[in-house]
Amino acid sequence: MTTVTPSSPGFRATSSATPEPPDASTVYAPRDPVDVRATLGIIGRGPYDPTTIWDALGVWRTFRTPAGSATVRIRYPAADGSIAAAAWGDGAEWAIDAVPGLLGRDDDWSSLDVRGTPLLHDSRRRNPGLRLTRTGRLIEALIPAIIEQRVTSLEAYNSWARLIRWYGEPAPGPAPAELRVVPTVAQWRGIPSWEWHRAGVDPGRARTVMSVLAVAGSLERAADRAATLPDAARALRTVTGIGVWTAAETLQRTHADPDAVSVGDYHLAHYVGEALIGRRVDDDGMLELLEPWTGQRQRVIRLILASGHRFTRRGPRVTLQDHRWH
């Protein structure tokens, strides 16, 4: 069972009382243990994402589902490993149906062989509940990935939080007051250009978001109907401004892509190189190191990031850029 303390990233004290009965609920009994925090931590965008709030009992998460907005409350596993989930809002039933996928029901690690790499073998042993999540909400994952292009995580997280606080709607049900649901596609389209600037998103990234919103429905259908995940990634990259990194960051969350590698990430190649061979490498070197695990490279990366390995930071910190008008 995962334990979150007040010092944990993303922790916020919330009331444990939920007096309003849920519109839908379930108790998911996974075949194998699931680490809720390790599995779902990737879907939040920074510690103050208004769509995702962690507390001592589990996580509150909102979704803009095909049936409407939904708040989902997922609790940490009980002693028997079962995981209780409740949902409120018009999209509650959709959200509850999605819970097993969120918690990695179809994510099969059994064929991943990392016995020949001590760091990976040890990480797998210590993180048996790590799964790849599947949200199924493409636009919700794609927009923040675009916002994260070419800037530091701190800048991107702040921009995302501002936009959701300003334009997101209050979460349905007995959720924490600050929890928000992402805007609809129409609402995203209605955000004026100066508000993107005020949120710290430069015109280039804002244009890419608008390009996605213009074809949102067809893009979702193309990704869902793609015969393979690489085909889904190619469908995303037909939109100007979406490259390999953005497509990978999206499909890791929406489709539990076990092989997607975020090529072009500022730190990832360094992390992989240091963990596997003790020195930094570039993107080509990272792909060469990961080649033995082709088909499961994202799983290997997640094991590296969960390993506790201390990565060496060199050089000056990246200067934060202020893209807002003054």
Protein backbone atom coordinates (compact mmCIF):
# COMPACT_ATOMS: atom_id res chain seq x y z
CA MET A 1 0.00 0.00 0.00
CA THR A 2 1.28 3.46 -0.85
CA THR A 3 1.49 5.97 1.98
CA VAL A 4 1.42 9.68 1.22
CA THR A 5 2.57 12.10 3.91
CA PRO A 6 2.13 15.88 4.14
CA SER A 7 5.66 16.26 2.76
CA SER A 8 4.93 14.27 -0.39
CA PRO A 9 4.80 16.17 -3.72
CA GLY A 10 1.23 17.02 -4.62
CA PHE A 11 -0.15 16.29 -1.16
CA ARG A 12 -3.00 18.52 -0.04
CA ALA A 13 -5.00 18.09 3.10
CA THR A 14 -8.66 17.48 2.25
CA SER A 15 -11.70 16.39 4.16
CA SER A 16 -12.22 12.65 4.39
CA ALA A 17 -15.97 13.15 4.63
CA THR A 18 -17.96 12.47 1.46
CA PRO A 19 -21.58 13.00 2.53
CA GLU A 20 -22.96 13.18 -1.00
CA PRO A 21 -23.65 9.66 -2.31
CA PRO A 22 -21.73 8.86 -5.49
CA ASP A 23 -23.48 8.60 -8.83
CA ALA A 24 -21.45 5.46 -9.55
CA SER A 25 -18.95 3.38 -7.64
CA THR A 26 -16.95 0.19 -7.80
CA VAL A 27 -14.44 -1.91 -5.91
CA TYR A 28 -11.70 -3.05 -8.24
CA ALA A 29 -9.93 -6.27 -7.30
CA PRO A 30 -6.75 -6.46 -9.39
CA ARG A 31 -5.09 -9.80 -10.06
CA ASP A 32 -1.78 -8.40 -8.83
CA PRO A 33 -0.95 -5.57 -6.41
CA VAL A 34 -1.31 -2.04 -7.78
CA ASP A 35 0.64 0.95 -6.50
CA VAL A 36 -1.96 3.67 -6.99
CA ARG A 37 0.43 6.57 -6.55
CA ALA A 38 3.15 5.18 -8.81
CA THR A 39 0.63 4.24 -11.49
CA LEU A 40 -1.53 7.38 -11.53
CA GLY A 41 1.13 9.92 -10.60
CA ILE A 42 1.96 10.47 -14.27
CA ILE A 43 -1.48 11.87 -15.16
CA GLY A 44 -1.17 14.93 -12.93
CA ARG A 45 0.77 17.90 -14.33
CA GLY A 46 2.80 19.10 -11.39
CA PRO A 47 2.06 19.32 -7.67
CA TYR A 48 -0.65 21.98 -7.99
CA ASP A 49 -2.60 20.67 -10.98
CA PRO A 50 -6.25 21.65 -10.28
CA THR A 51 -7.48 18.46 -11.97
CA THR A 52 -5.60 16.08 -9.64
CA ILE A 53 -5.37 16.25 -5.85
CA TRP A 54 -3.64 13.65 -3.68
CA ASP A 55 -4.27 13.31 0.03
CA ALA A 56 -3.75 10.76 2.80
CA LEU A 57 -6.55 8.50 1.51
CA GLY A 58 -5.90 8.51 -2.22
CA VAL A 59 -6.53 10.77 -5.18
CA TRP A 60 -9.28 13.06 -6.48
CA ARG A 61 -9.22 13.32 -10.27
CA THR A 62 -11.55 14.97 -12.77
CA PHE A 63 -12.24 14.00 -16.38
CA ARG A 64 -14.11 15.55 -19.27
CA THR A 65 -15.79 12.36 -20.49
CA PRO A 66 -17.95 11.79 -23.58
CA ALA A 67 -20.96 11.91 -21.23
CA GLY A 68 -19.92 15.07 -19.38
CA SER A 69 -17.74 16.09 -16.46
CA ALA A 70 -16.82 13.63 -13.71
CA THR A 71 -15.01 13.60 -10.41
CA VAL A 72 -13.40 10.31 -9.42
CA ARG A 73 -12.23 9.43 -5.94
CA ILE A 74 -9.77 6.51 -5.96
CA ARG A 75 -8.55 5.27 -2.61
CA TYR A 76 -5.34 3.50 -1.77
CA PRO A 77 -5.65 -0.30 -1.66
CA ALA A 78 -7.31 -2.00 1.27
CA ALA A 79 -5.55 -4.76 3.17
CA ASP A 80 -6.82 -7.33 0.65
CA GLY A 81 -5.51 -5.28 -2.29
CA SER A 82 -8.93 -4.11 -3.48
CA ILE A 83 -9.31 -0.48 -4.56
CA ALA A 84 -12.51 1.49 -3.94
CA ALA A 85 -13.56 4.15 -6.43
CA ALA A 86 -16.52 6.53 -6.47
CA ALA A 87 -17.58 9.10 -9.04
CA TRP A 88 -19.92 12.06 -9.34
CA GLY A 89 -21.26 14.04 -12.29
CA ASP A 90 -22.80 13.34 -15.68
CA GLY A 91 -19.75 11.31 -16.67
CA ALA A 92 -19.65 9.24 -13.47
CA GLU A 93 -20.54 5.90 -15.05
CA TRP A 94 -18.02 6.39 -17.85
CA ALA A 95 -15.36 7.28 -15.30
CA ILE A 96 -16.07 4.24 -13.14
CA ASP A 97 -15.95 1.97 -16.17
CA ALA A 98 -12.51 3.45 -16.90
CA VAL A 99 -11.06 2.71 -13.43
CA PRO A 100 -9.56 -0.72 -14.24
CA GLY A 101 -7.77 0.76 -17.26
CA LEU A 102 -6.55 3.68 -15.18
CA LEU A 103 -5.07 1.20 -12.73
CA GLY A 104 -3.32 -0.84 -15.39
CA ARG A 105 -5.59 -3.87 -15.76
CA ASP A 106 -4.39 -4.57 -19.31
CA ASP A 107 -0.75 -3.64 -18.70
CA ASP A 108 1.14 -6.95 -18.77
CA TRP A 109 4.76 -6.82 -17.57
CA SER A 110 5.23 -10.59 -17.51
CA SER A 111 7.40 -10.73 -20.64
CA LEU A 112 9.76 -7.96 -19.53
CA ASP A 113 13.13 -9.52 -18.71
CA VAL A 114 15.44 -7.18 -16.78
CA ARG A 115 17.37 -9.85 -14.86
CA GLY A 116 20.60 -8.96 -16.63
CA THR A 117 20.55 -5.33 -15.43
CA PRO A 118 20.87 -5.06 -11.64
CA LEU A 119 19.36 -1.57 -11.32
CA LEU A 120 16.30 -2.54 -13.35
CA HIS A 121 15.93 -5.92 -11.67
CA ASP A 122 16.08 -4.31 -8.24
CA SER A 123 13.62 -1.58 -9.24
CA ARG A 124 11.17 -4.14 -10.55
CA ARG A 125 11.48 -6.13 -7.33
CA ARG A 126 10.84 -3.03 -5.20
CA ASN A 127 8.03 -1.66 -7.38
CA PRO A 128 5.81 -4.67 -8.13
CA GLY A 129 2.67 -2.51 -8.21
CA LEU A 130 3.87 -0.13 -10.92
CA ARG A 131 1.54 -0.16 -13.93
CA LEU A 132 1.03 1.96 -17.05
CA THR A 133 -2.21 3.92 -16.89
CA ARG A 134 -4.76 4.31 -19.69
CA THR A 135 -6.99 7.41 -19.42
CA GLY A 136 -8.55 7.31 -22.88
CA ARG A 137 -8.85 11.13 -22.87
CA LEU A 138 -6.64 12.29 -25.72
CA ILE A 139 -7.22 16.05 -25.71
CA GLU A 140 -6.84 16.22 -21.92
CA ALA A 141 -3.36 14.72 -22.24
CA LEU A 142 -2.34 16.41 -25.49
CA ILE A 143 -2.92 20.05 -24.51
CA PRO A 144 -0.70 20.00 -21.40
CA ALA A 145 1.96 18.09 -23.36
CA ILE A 146 1.99 20.92 -25.90
CA ILE A 147 2.24 23.46 -23.09
CA GLU A 148 5.29 21.57 -21.80
CA GLN A 149 7.15 21.87 -25.11
CA ARG A 150 10.50 23.71 -25.00
CA VAL A 151 10.09 25.11 -21.49
CA THR A 152 10.96 23.96 -17.98
CA SER A 153 8.53 21.79 -16.06
CA LEU A 154 7.95 24.58 -13.54
CA GLU A 155 6.95 27.02 -16.26
CA ALA A 156 4.62 24.51 -17.90
CA TYR A 157 3.01 23.44 -14.64
CA ASN A 158 2.32 27.05 -13.70
CA SER A 159 0.78 27.79 -17.10
CA TRP A 160 -1.45 24.70 -16.97
CA ALA A 161 -2.59 25.48 -13.42
CA ARG A 162 -3.45 29.08 -14.34
CA LEU A 163 -5.50 28.07 -17.37
CA ILE A 164 -7.45 25.42 -15.49
CA ARG A 165 -8.12 27.73 -12.54
CA TRP A 166 -9.34 30.46 -14.88
CA TYR A 167 -11.34 28.40 -17.36
CA GLY A 168 -12.03 25.02 -15.76
CA GLU A 169 -15.36 24.38 -14.08
CA PRO A 170 -15.78 23.33 -10.44
CA ALA A 171 -15.64 19.58 -9.97
CA PRO A 172 -18.98 17.83 -9.38
CA GLY A 173 -19.64 16.06 -6.09
CA PRO A 174 -18.10 16.51 -2.63
CA ALA A 175 -14.66 17.28 -4.03
CA PRO A 176 -12.06 19.70 -2.64
CA ALA A 177 -13.04 23.27 -3.46
CA GLU A 178 -10.01 23.87 -5.68
CA LEU A 179 -10.58 20.79 -7.88
CA ARG A 180 -11.49 21.69 -11.48
CA VAL A 181 -12.58 19.96 -14.69
CA VAL A 182 -10.75 20.86 -17.89
CA PRO A 183 -12.67 23.05 -20.36
CA THR A 184 -14.63 21.54 -23.23
CA VAL A 185 -13.12 21.76 -26.71
CA ALA A 186 -15.41 24.70 -27.46
CA GLN A 187 -14.34 26.45 -24.25
CA TRP A 188 -10.65 25.91 -25.06
CA ARG A 189 -11.24 27.41 -28.49
CA GLY A 190 -12.82 30.47 -26.88
CA ILE A 191 -9.75 31.42 -24.83
CA PRO A 192 -8.41 34.65 -26.36
CA SER A 193 -4.78 34.91 -27.42
CA TRP A 194 -3.89 37.43 -24.72
CA GLU A 195 -5.02 35.02 -22.03
CA TRP A 196 -2.60 32.39 -23.32
CA HIS A 197 0.11 35.05 -23.03
CA ARG A 198 -1.04 35.95 -19.52
CA ALA A 199 -0.80 32.28 -18.56
CA GLY A 200 2.79 32.15 -19.84
CA VAL A 201 2.17 30.22 -23.07
CA ASP A 202 3.98 31.70 -26.08
CA PRO A 203 2.20 32.18 -29.44
CA GLY A 204 3.85 29.14 -31.02
CA ARG A 205 2.55 26.68 -28.45
CA ALA A 206 -0.84 28.42 -28.34
CA ARG A 207 -1.14 28.05 -32.13
CA THR A 208 -0.38 24.34 -31.85
CA VAL A 209 -3.13 23.93 -29.23
CA MET A 210 -5.57 25.74 -31.51
CA SER A 211 -4.56 23.52 -34.43
CA VAL A 212 -5.32 20.45 -32.31
CA LEU A 213 -8.67 21.86 -31.20
CA ALA A 214 -9.66 22.53 -34.82
CA VAL A 215 -9.44 18.79 -35.58
CA ALA A 216 -10.02 17.38 -32.09
CA GLY A 217 -12.79 14.95 -32.99
CA SER A 218 -11.07 13.49 -36.04
CA LEU A 219 -7.75 13.29 -34.19
CA GLU A 220 -9.33 11.30 -31.36
CA ARG A 221 -10.99 8.95 -33.83
CA ALA A 222 -7.78 8.45 -35.77
CA ALA A 223 -5.83 7.60 -32.62
CA ASP A 224 -8.50 5.21 -31.36
CA ARG A 225 -8.88 3.44 -34.72
CA ALA A 226 -5.15 3.14 -35.43
CA ALA A 227 -4.07 -0.44 -35.97
CA THR A 228 -0.95 0.04 -33.84
CA LEU A 229 0.31 2.55 -31.32
CA PRO A 230 3.03 3.78 -33.74
CA ASP A 231 0.18 4.45 -36.19
CA ALA A 232 -1.61 6.43 -33.47
CA ALA A 233 1.55 8.46 -32.89
CA ARG A 234 1.83 9.18 -36.61
CA ALA A 235 -1.78 10.36 -36.60
CA LEU A 236 -1.00 12.85 -33.84
CA ARG A 237 2.07 14.09 -35.69
CA THR A 238 -0.02 15.10 -38.70
CA VAL A 239 -0.84 18.26 -36.74
CA THR A 240 1.79 20.95 -37.24
CA GLY A 241 3.67 21.48 -33.99
CA ILE A 242 3.28 17.94 -32.66
CA GLY A 243 6.48 15.93 -32.83
CA VAL A 244 7.82 12.68 -31.45
CA TRP A 245 8.16 13.98 -27.89
CA THR A 246 4.61 15.34 -27.64
CA ALA A 247 3.04 12.26 -29.20
CA ALA A 248 4.97 9.97 -26.84
CA GLU A 249 4.07 12.00 -23.74
CA THR A 250 0.42 11.82 -24.76
CA LEU A 251 0.14 8.13 -25.64
CA GLN A 252 2.01 7.10 -22.50
CA ARG A 253 -0.99 8.43 -20.59
CA THR A 254 -3.94 7.86 -22.89
CA HIS A 255 -3.10 4.44 -24.31
CA ALA A 256 -0.64 2.98 -21.76
CA ASP A 257 1.92 2.81 -24.59
CA PRO A 258 4.60 0.42 -23.29
CA ASP A 259 7.19 1.44 -25.87
CA ALA A 260 6.81 5.22 -26.34
CA VAL A 261 10.08 7.06 -25.66
CA SER A 262 10.06 10.84 -25.16
CA VAL A 263 12.90 11.56 -27.57
CA GLY A 264 13.95 15.20 -27.28
CA ASP A 265 13.36 15.46 -23.54
CA TYR A 266 15.83 17.78 -21.79
CA HIS A 267 16.90 15.26 -19.12
CA LEU A 268 15.65 11.80 -20.08
CA ALA A 269 18.62 10.62 -22.15
CA HIS A 270 20.99 11.72 -19.38
CA TYR A 271 18.98 9.77 -16.81
CA VAL A 272 18.86 6.61 -18.90
CA GLY A 273 22.58 6.77 -19.68
CA GLU A 274 23.65 7.34 -16.09
CA ALA A 275 21.40 4.57 -14.81
CA LEU A 276 22.39 1.93 -17.36
CA ILE A 277 26.07 2.64 -18.10
CA GLY A 278 27.12 5.27 -15.58
CA ARG A 279 27.48 8.19 -17.96
CA ARG A 280 25.34 10.64 -19.89
CA VAL A 281 24.29 9.93 -23.46
CA ASP A 282 22.33 11.79 -26.13
CA ASP A 283 19.04 10.69 -27.64
CA ASP A 284 20.71 8.35 -30.11
CA GLY A 285 22.72 6.79 -27.30
CA MET A 286 19.57 6.38 -25.21
CA LEU A 287 17.75 4.61 -28.03
CA GLU A 288 20.72 2.30 -28.52
CA LEU A 289 20.75 1.41 -24.81
CA LEU A 290 17.00 0.75 -24.82
CA GLU A 291 17.05 -1.28 -28.04
CA PRO A 292 17.18 -4.70 -26.27
CA TRP A 293 13.78 -3.88 -24.76
CA THR A 294 12.10 -2.69 -27.95
CA GLY A 295 8.37 -2.98 -27.46
CA GLN A 296 8.69 -2.27 -23.73
CA ARG A 297 11.01 0.72 -23.58
CA GLN A 298 8.56 2.92 -21.66
CA ARG A 299 8.33 0.24 -18.98
CA VAL A 300 12.12 0.24 -18.68
CA ILE A 301 12.16 4.03 -18.41
CA ARG A 302 9.52 3.94 -15.68
CA LEU A 303 11.63 1.42 -13.77
CA ILE A 304 14.66 3.69 -14.08
CA LEU A 305 12.69 6.69 -12.79
CA ALA A 306 11.27 4.60 -9.93
CA SER A 307 14.64 3.10 -9.03
CA GLY A 308 15.76 5.79 -6.60
CA HIS A 309 18.97 6.25 -8.58
CA ARG A 310 20.45 9.67 -7.88
CA PHE A 311 21.08 11.51 -11.11
CA THR A 312 23.90 14.00 -11.47
CA ARG A 313 22.96 17.54 -12.45
CA ARG A 314 25.67 19.51 -14.22
CA GLY A 315 25.91 23.07 -15.46
CA PRO A 316 23.80 26.11 -14.63
CA ARG A 317 20.09 25.87 -14.08
CA VAL A 318 17.89 26.73 -17.04
CA THR A 319 16.75 30.34 -16.88
CA LEU A 320 12.98 30.61 -16.52
CA GLN A 321 11.41 32.57 -19.35
CA ASP A 322 8.41 34.83 -18.75
CA HIS A 323 6.19 34.63 -21.84
CA ARG A 324 3.50 36.87 -20.40
CA TRP A 325 2.94 40.44 -21.48
CA HIS A 326 3.82 43.07 -18.87
